[in-house]
């Protein structure tokens, strides 16, 4: 359950910077939860590594500053990540939110935001880290699939899990149909996890998991 609106209004909102690479549906869900008074947060900026990311349009429609830091504009990866780090730091985020950001961040970047950066991954971690999770779940004959919100660490998709939600793998599912149901769960649990961080900053600052580890329904 999300906290009731009266308790949310009493919280000091988390200042978020959201990193994206594409469509930005999780960004849109977060913005919707904030607008509805279900999430004690503000989005200070949305930053993409791709100029054609539709999530930038979503941000601008919501009146949120939207910027591009493109890999092709820099001589090498080190210069790119240094520039990205400068732009994120300029907004002094309480929490950096990866919402479909399709790059593996270097250790220096991750270390700068230790216990202050979260990601959402389309599998029940620690199973099926990496890409193409929906097809891999089907190929493995799994009966359950889902999504995980986790703290970001230097190891890919290996940080402590904050919250998970499950879906059943249905007969006849393909990667597209299964992925659509998982995405619906992502839209629910990402805001819930961020709200927990807003309510439990002392625990969150040590990279703790959600106090109640029951699966989100």
C-alpha atoms as a PDB file:
ATOM      1  CA  UNK A   1       0.000   0.000   0.000  1.00  0.00           C
ATOM      2  CA  UNK A   2       1.210   3.503  -0.757  1.00  0.00           C
ATOM      3  CA  UNK A   3       1.165   5.966   2.124  1.00  0.00           C
ATOM      4  CA  UNK A   4      -1.993   8.035   2.472  1.00  0.00           C
ATOM      5  CA  UNK A   5      -1.949  11.491   0.813  1.00  0.00           C
ATOM      6  CA  UNK A   6      -1.901  13.381   4.113  1.00  0.00           C
ATOM      7  CA  UNK A   7       1.318  11.664   5.214  1.00  0.00           C
ATOM      8  CA  UNK A   8       2.853  12.196   1.776  1.00  0.00           C
ATOM      9  CA  UNK A   9       2.152  15.939   1.929  1.00  0.00           C
ATOM     10  CA  UNK A  10       3.970  16.096   5.277  1.00  0.00           C
ATOM     11  CA  UNK A  11       7.184  14.668   3.804  1.00  0.00           C
ATOM     12  CA  UNK A  12      10.003  16.732   2.370  1.00  0.00           C
ATOM     13  CA  UNK A  13       9.849  15.703  -1.311  1.00  0.00           C
ATOM     14  CA  UNK A  14      12.768  13.785  -2.779  1.00  0.00           C
ATOM     15  CA  UNK A  15      14.598  15.671  -5.515  1.00  0.00           C
ATOM     16  CA  UNK A  16      14.913  13.250  -8.453  1.00  0.00           C
ATOM     17  CA  UNK A  17      17.017  13.226 -11.592  1.00  0.00           C
ATOM     18  CA  UNK A  18      15.762  10.622 -14.062  1.00  0.00           C
ATOM     19  CA  UNK A  19      18.050   9.087 -16.700  1.00  0.00           C
ATOM     20  CA  UNK A  20      16.447   7.614 -19.811  1.00  0.00           C
ATOM     21  CA  UNK A  21      17.343   6.299 -23.246  1.00  0.00           C
ATOM     22  CA  UNK A  22      13.987   5.660 -24.874  1.00  0.00           C
ATOM     23  CA  UNK A  23      10.217   5.756 -24.538  1.00  0.00           C
ATOM     24  CA  UNK A  24      10.095   6.832 -20.905  1.00  0.00           C
ATOM     25  CA  UNK A  25       6.967   4.974 -19.794  1.00  0.00           C
ATOM     26  CA  UNK A  26       8.325   4.509 -16.276  1.00  0.00           C
ATOM     27  CA  UNK A  27       9.141   8.219 -16.206  1.00  0.00           C
ATOM     28  CA  UNK A  28       5.540   8.929 -17.197  1.00  0.00           C
ATOM     29  CA  UNK A  29       4.259   6.670 -14.428  1.00  0.00           C
ATOM     30  CA  UNK A  30       6.435   8.440 -11.859  1.00  0.00           C
ATOM     31  CA  UNK A  31       5.217  11.842 -13.030  1.00  0.00           C
ATOM     32  CA  UNK A  32       1.644  10.590 -12.803  1.00  0.00           C
ATOM     33  CA  UNK A  33       2.068   9.356  -9.236  1.00  0.00           C
ATOM     34  CA  UNK A  34       3.572  12.718  -8.254  1.00  0.00           C
ATOM     35  CA  UNK A  35       0.743  14.661  -9.914  1.00  0.00           C
ATOM     36  CA  UNK A  36      -1.845  12.472  -8.168  1.00  0.00           C
ATOM     37  CA  UNK A  37      -0.293  13.116  -4.746  1.00  0.00           C
ATOM     38  CA  UNK A  38       0.804   9.504  -4.277  1.00  0.00           C
ATOM     39  CA  UNK A  39       4.546  10.153  -4.389  1.00  0.00           C
ATOM     40  CA  UNK A  40       6.489  12.683  -2.326  1.00  0.00           C
ATOM     41  CA  UNK A  41       8.998  13.701  -4.972  1.00  0.00           C
ATOM     42  CA  UNK A  42       9.809  16.269  -7.621  1.00  0.00           C
ATOM     43  CA  UNK A  43      11.625  15.604 -10.880  1.00  0.00           C
ATOM     44  CA  UNK A  44      14.337  18.227 -11.195  1.00  0.00           C
ATOM     45  CA  UNK A  45      15.479  17.049 -14.614  1.00  0.00           C
ATOM     46  CA  UNK A  46      15.304  14.263 -17.157  1.00  0.00           C
ATOM     47  CA  UNK A  47      18.560  13.500 -18.968  1.00  0.00           C
ATOM     48  CA  UNK A  48      18.884  11.203 -21.972  1.00  0.00           C
ATOM     49  CA  UNK A  49      21.872   9.842 -23.856  1.00  0.00           C
ATOM     50  CA  UNK A  50      19.741   9.913 -27.022  1.00  0.00           C
ATOM     51  CA  UNK A  51      18.255  13.039 -28.598  1.00  0.00           C
ATOM     52  CA  UNK A  52      15.378  11.043 -30.131  1.00  0.00           C
ATOM     53  CA  UNK A  53      14.194   9.526 -26.820  1.00  0.00           C
ATOM     54  CA  UNK A  54      10.431  10.050 -26.531  1.00  0.00           C
ATOM     55  CA  UNK A  55      10.844  10.372 -22.774  1.00  0.00           C
ATOM     56  CA  UNK A  56      12.252  13.849 -23.419  1.00  0.00           C
ATOM     57  CA  UNK A  57       8.908  14.811 -24.971  1.00  0.00           C
ATOM     58  CA  UNK A  58       7.084  13.402 -21.936  1.00  0.00           C
ATOM     59  CA  UNK A  59       9.289  15.475 -19.625  1.00  0.00           C
ATOM     60  CA  UNK A  60       8.789  18.713 -21.548  1.00  0.00           C
ATOM     61  CA  UNK A  61       5.030  18.200 -21.667  1.00  0.00           C
ATOM     62  CA  UNK A  62       5.114  17.943 -17.876  1.00  0.00           C
ATOM     63  CA  UNK A  63       7.189  21.125 -17.568  1.00  0.00           C
ATOM     64  CA  UNK A  64      10.306  19.238 -16.458  1.00  0.00           C
ATOM     65  CA  UNK A  65      13.739  20.341 -17.736  1.00  0.00           C
ATOM     66  CA  UNK A  66      14.932  17.817 -20.337  1.00  0.00           C
ATOM     67  CA  UNK A  67      18.531  17.554 -21.518  1.00  0.00           C
ATOM     68  CA  UNK A  68      20.614  15.409 -23.847  1.00  0.00           C
ATOM     69  CA  UNK A  69      24.139  14.224 -23.100  1.00  0.00           C
ATOM     70  CA  UNK A  70      24.976  12.150 -26.178  1.00  0.00           C
ATOM     71  CA  UNK A  71      27.918   9.754 -26.369  1.00  0.00           C
ATOM     72  CA  UNK A  72      28.685  10.888 -29.908  1.00  0.00           C
ATOM     73  CA  UNK A  73      29.410  14.424 -28.735  1.00  0.00           C
ATOM     74  CA  UNK A  74      32.458  13.320 -26.728  1.00  0.00           C
ATOM     75  CA  UNK A  75      35.854  11.979 -27.764  1.00  0.00           C
ATOM     76  CA  UNK A  76      35.643   8.871 -25.605  1.00  0.00           C
ATOM     77  CA  UNK A  77      33.546   7.113 -22.987  1.00  0.00           C
ATOM     78  CA  UNK A  78      35.422   8.705 -20.099  1.00  0.00           C
ATOM     79  CA  UNK A  79      34.643  12.214 -21.343  1.00  0.00           C
ATOM     80  CA  UNK A  80      31.005  11.266 -21.918  1.00  0.00           C
ATOM     81  CA  UNK A  81      30.475   9.888 -18.425  1.00  0.00           C
ATOM     82  CA  UNK A  82      32.304  12.845 -16.877  1.00  0.00           C
ATOM     83  CA  UNK A  83      29.946  15.219 -18.684  1.00  0.00           C
ATOM     84  CA  UNK A  84      26.923  13.173 -17.659  1.00  0.00           C
ATOM     85  CA  UNK A  85      28.078  13.210 -14.056  1.00  0.00           C
ATOM     86  CA  UNK A  86      28.456  16.995 -14.122  1.00  0.00           C
ATOM     87  CA  UNK A  87      24.946  17.466 -15.477  1.00  0.00           C
ATOM     88  CA  UNK A  88      23.376  15.153 -12.915  1.00  0.00           C
ATOM     89  CA  UNK A  89      25.272  16.776 -10.049  1.00  0.00           C
ATOM     90  CA  UNK A  90      24.148  20.224 -11.213  1.00  0.00           C
ATOM     91  CA  UNK A  91      20.601  19.356 -10.081  1.00  0.00           C
ATOM     92  CA  UNK A  92      21.719  18.158  -6.607  1.00  0.00           C
ATOM     93  CA  UNK A  93      19.535  15.031  -6.632  1.00  0.00           C
ATOM     94  CA  UNK A  94      18.515  13.182  -3.510  1.00  0.00           C
ATOM     95  CA  UNK A  95      17.969  10.165  -5.758  1.00  0.00           C
ATOM     96  CA  UNK A  96      19.077   9.288  -9.282  1.00  0.00           C
ATOM     97  CA  UNK A  97      16.438   7.170 -11.011  1.00  0.00           C
ATOM     98  CA  UNK A  98      17.393   4.981 -13.972  1.00  0.00           C
ATOM     99  CA  UNK A  99      14.281   4.502 -16.100  1.00  0.00           C
ATOM    100  CA  UNK A 100      15.321   2.618 -19.198  1.00  0.00           C
ATOM    101  CA  UNK A 101      18.817   4.102 -19.312  1.00  0.00           C
ATOM    102  CA  UNK A 102      20.568   1.620 -21.593  1.00  0.00           C
ATOM    103  CA  UNK A 103      24.180   2.120 -20.598  1.00  0.00           C
ATOM    104  CA  UNK A 104      26.303   0.434 -17.951  1.00  0.00           C
ATOM    105  CA  UNK A 105      27.542   3.220 -15.696  1.00  0.00           C
ATOM    106  CA  UNK A 106      31.213   3.159 -14.682  1.00  0.00           C
ATOM    107  CA  UNK A 107      32.277   2.538 -11.105  1.00  0.00           C
ATOM    108  CA  UNK A 108      33.222   6.166 -10.474  1.00  0.00           C
ATOM    109  CA  UNK A 109      29.755   7.350 -11.488  1.00  0.00           C
ATOM    110  CA  UNK A 110      28.011   4.690  -9.413  1.00  0.00           C
ATOM    111  CA  UNK A 111      30.230   5.434  -6.421  1.00  0.00           C
ATOM    112  CA  UNK A 112      29.349   9.116  -6.554  1.00  0.00           C
ATOM    113  CA  UNK A 113      25.703   8.226  -5.926  1.00  0.00           C
ATOM    114  CA  UNK A 114      26.146   5.227  -3.652  1.00  0.00           C
ATOM    115  CA  UNK A 115      22.819   4.394  -1.951  1.00  0.00           C
ATOM    116  CA  UNK A 116      21.257   7.257  -3.917  1.00  0.00           C
ATOM    117  CA  UNK A 117      20.672   5.586  -7.280  1.00  0.00           C
ATOM    118  CA  UNK A 118      17.986   3.060  -8.185  1.00  0.00           C
ATOM    119  CA  UNK A 119      17.078   1.022 -11.243  1.00  0.00           C
ATOM    120  CA  UNK A 120      14.138  -1.082 -12.360  1.00  0.00           C
ATOM    121  CA  UNK A 121      14.885  -4.372 -14.080  1.00  0.00           C
ATOM    122  CA  UNK A 122      12.420  -6.661 -15.907  1.00  0.00           C
ATOM    123  CA  UNK A 123      13.101  -9.904 -14.044  1.00  0.00           C
ATOM    124  CA  UNK A 124      12.925 -11.349 -10.559  1.00  0.00           C
ATOM    125  CA  UNK A 125      16.510 -10.640  -9.593  1.00  0.00           C
ATOM    126  CA  UNK A 126      18.955 -12.210  -8.998  1.00  0.00           C
ATOM    127  CA  UNK A 127      17.650 -14.343 -11.868  1.00  0.00           C
ATOM    128  CA  UNK A 128      17.936 -13.181 -15.479  1.00  0.00           C
ATOM    129  CA  UNK A 129      20.260 -10.213 -15.176  1.00  0.00           C
ATOM    130  CA  UNK A 130      21.013  -8.295 -18.354  1.00  0.00           C
ATOM    131  CA  UNK A 131      19.004  -8.000 -21.557  1.00  0.00           C
ATOM    132  CA  UNK A 132      16.221  -9.908 -23.340  1.00  0.00           C
ATOM    133  CA  UNK A 133      14.757 -11.148 -20.069  1.00  0.00           C
ATOM    134  CA  UNK A 134      11.257 -11.928 -21.336  1.00  0.00           C
ATOM    135  CA  UNK A 135      12.444 -14.298 -24.058  1.00  0.00           C
ATOM    136  CA  UNK A 136      14.990 -15.881 -21.742  1.00  0.00           C
ATOM    137  CA  UNK A 137      12.273 -16.548 -19.158  1.00  0.00           C
ATOM    138  CA  UNK A 138      10.140 -18.219 -21.831  1.00  0.00           C
ATOM    139  CA  UNK A 139      13.077 -20.244 -23.164  1.00  0.00           C
ATOM    140  CA  UNK A 140      13.812 -21.474 -19.638  1.00  0.00           C
ATOM    141  CA  UNK A 141      10.250 -22.654 -19.143  1.00  0.00           C
ATOM    142  CA  UNK A 142       9.703 -20.460 -16.095  1.00  0.00           C
ATOM    143  CA  UNK A 143       6.205 -20.184 -14.644  1.00  0.00           C
ATOM    144  CA  UNK A 144       6.819 -16.862 -12.856  1.00  0.00           C
ATOM    145  CA  UNK A 145       8.349 -13.642 -14.114  1.00  0.00           C
ATOM    146  CA  UNK A 146       8.322 -10.067 -12.875  1.00  0.00           C
ATOM    147  CA  UNK A 147      10.199  -6.876 -12.148  1.00  0.00           C
ATOM    148  CA  UNK A 148      12.646  -5.704  -9.495  1.00  0.00           C
ATOM    149  CA  UNK A 149      13.556  -2.263  -8.161  1.00  0.00           C
ATOM    150  CA  UNK A 150      17.109  -2.352  -6.824  1.00  0.00           C
ATOM    151  CA  UNK A 151      19.929  -0.165  -5.625  1.00  0.00           C
ATOM    152  CA  UNK A 152      22.573   0.386  -8.288  1.00  0.00           C
ATOM    153  CA  UNK A 153      26.050  -0.942  -7.560  1.00  0.00           C
ATOM    154  CA  UNK A 154      29.145  -1.363  -9.697  1.00  0.00           C
ATOM    155  CA  UNK A 155      28.078  -4.927 -10.602  1.00  0.00           C
ATOM    156  CA  UNK A 156      25.360  -5.055 -13.269  1.00  0.00           C
ATOM    157  CA  UNK A 157      21.855  -5.722 -11.865  1.00  0.00           C
ATOM    158  CA  UNK A 158      23.370  -6.982  -8.596  1.00  0.00           C
ATOM    159  CA  UNK A 159      22.500  -4.295  -6.035  1.00  0.00           C
ATOM    160  CA  UNK A 160      20.177  -5.041  -3.104  1.00  0.00           C
ATOM    161  CA  UNK A 161      16.579  -5.521  -4.195  1.00  0.00           C
ATOM    162  CA  UNK A 162      14.141  -2.973  -2.763  1.00  0.00           C
ATOM    163  CA  UNK A 163      10.858  -4.336  -4.123  1.00  0.00           C
ATOM    164  CA  UNK A 164       9.609  -6.947  -6.579  1.00  0.00           C
ATOM    165  CA  UNK A 165       6.346  -7.777  -8.309  1.00  0.00           C
ATOM    166  CA  UNK A 166       5.453 -11.063  -9.969  1.00  0.00           C
ATOM    167  CA  UNK A 167       3.354 -12.100 -12.944  1.00  0.00           C
ATOM    168  CA  UNK A 168       2.399 -15.563 -14.097  1.00  0.00           C
ATOM    169  CA  UNK A 169       3.727 -16.812 -17.413  1.00  0.00           C
ATOM    170  CA  UNK A 170       0.570 -17.701 -19.345  1.00  0.00           C
ATOM    171  CA  UNK A 171       0.199 -20.461 -21.934  1.00  0.00           C
ATOM    172  CA  UNK A 172       0.807 -18.970 -25.356  1.00  0.00           C
ATOM    173  CA  UNK A 173       2.786 -16.009 -24.052  1.00  0.00           C
ATOM    174  CA  UNK A 174       5.463 -14.520 -26.243  1.00  0.00           C
ATOM    175  CA  UNK A 175       8.095 -11.976 -25.265  1.00  0.00           C
ATOM    176  CA  UNK A 176       5.816  -9.076 -26.235  1.00  0.00           C
ATOM    177  CA  UNK A 177       2.718 -10.170 -24.294  1.00  0.00           C
ATOM    178  CA  UNK A 178       4.730 -11.193 -21.252  1.00  0.00           C
ATOM    179  CA  UNK A 179       6.745  -7.982 -21.346  1.00  0.00           C
ATOM    180  CA  UNK A 180       3.576  -5.861 -21.469  1.00  0.00           C
ATOM    181  CA  UNK A 181       2.286  -7.379 -18.232  1.00  0.00           C
ATOM    182  CA  UNK A 182       5.655  -6.959 -16.555  1.00  0.00           C
ATOM    183  CA  UNK A 183       5.755  -3.303 -17.637  1.00  0.00           C
ATOM    184  CA  UNK A 184       2.402  -2.682 -15.936  1.00  0.00           C
ATOM    185  CA  UNK A 185       3.935  -3.973 -12.697  1.00  0.00           C
ATOM    186  CA  UNK A 186       6.992  -1.755 -13.198  1.00  0.00           C
ATOM    187  CA  UNK A 187       4.741   1.292 -13.366  1.00  0.00           C
ATOM    188  CA  UNK A 188       3.293   0.369  -9.963  1.00  0.00           C
ATOM    189  CA  UNK A 189       6.337  -0.687  -7.984  1.00  0.00           C
ATOM    190  CA  UNK A 190       8.844   1.962  -9.052  1.00  0.00           C
ATOM    191  CA  UNK A 191       6.792   4.743  -7.474  1.00  0.00           C
ATOM    192  CA  UNK A 192       6.123   2.570  -4.432  1.00  0.00           C
ATOM    193  CA  UNK A 193       9.845   1.967  -3.921  1.00  0.00           C
ATOM    194  CA  UNK A 194      10.695   5.647  -4.331  1.00  0.00           C
ATOM    195  CA  UNK A 195       7.990   6.539  -1.822  1.00  0.00           C
ATOM    196  CA  UNK A 196       9.494   4.067   0.653  1.00  0.00           C
ATOM    197  CA  UNK A 197      12.857   5.796   0.203  1.00  0.00           C
ATOM    198  CA  UNK A 198      11.196   9.173   0.886  1.00  0.00           C
ATOM    199  CA  UNK A 199       9.690   7.783   4.092  1.00  0.00           C
ATOM    200  CA  UNK A 200      12.808   5.910   5.277  1.00  0.00           C
ATOM    201  CA  UNK A 201      15.764   8.054   4.279  1.00  0.00           C
ATOM    202  CA  UNK A 202      18.001   6.839   7.082  1.00  0.00           C
ATOM    203  CA  UNK A 203      17.613   3.196   6.055  1.00  0.00           C
ATOM    204  CA  UNK A 204      17.679   4.037   2.370  1.00  0.00           C
ATOM    205  CA  UNK A 205      20.973   5.888   2.831  1.00  0.00           C
ATOM    206  CA  UNK A 206      22.559   2.558   3.721  1.00  0.00           C
ATOM    207  CA  UNK A 207      21.122   0.802   0.697  1.00  0.00           C
ATOM    208  CA  UNK A 208      18.628  -1.236   2.680  1.00  0.00           C
ATOM    209  CA  UNK A 209      15.824  -3.297   1.098  1.00  0.00           C
ATOM    210  CA  UNK A 210      12.168  -2.523   1.656  1.00  0.00           C
ATOM    211  CA  UNK A 211      11.152  -3.291   5.228  1.00  0.00           C
ATOM    212  CA  UNK A 212       8.246  -5.458   4.025  1.00  0.00           C
ATOM    213  CA  UNK A 213       9.508  -7.855   1.389  1.00  0.00           C
ATOM    214  CA  UNK A 214       6.111  -9.245   0.433  1.00  0.00           C
ATOM    215  CA  UNK A 215       5.526  -9.309  -3.308  1.00  0.00           C
ATOM    216  CA  UNK A 216       3.627  -6.301  -4.642  1.00  0.00           C
ATOM    217  CA  UNK A 217       0.278  -7.430  -5.977  1.00  0.00           C
END
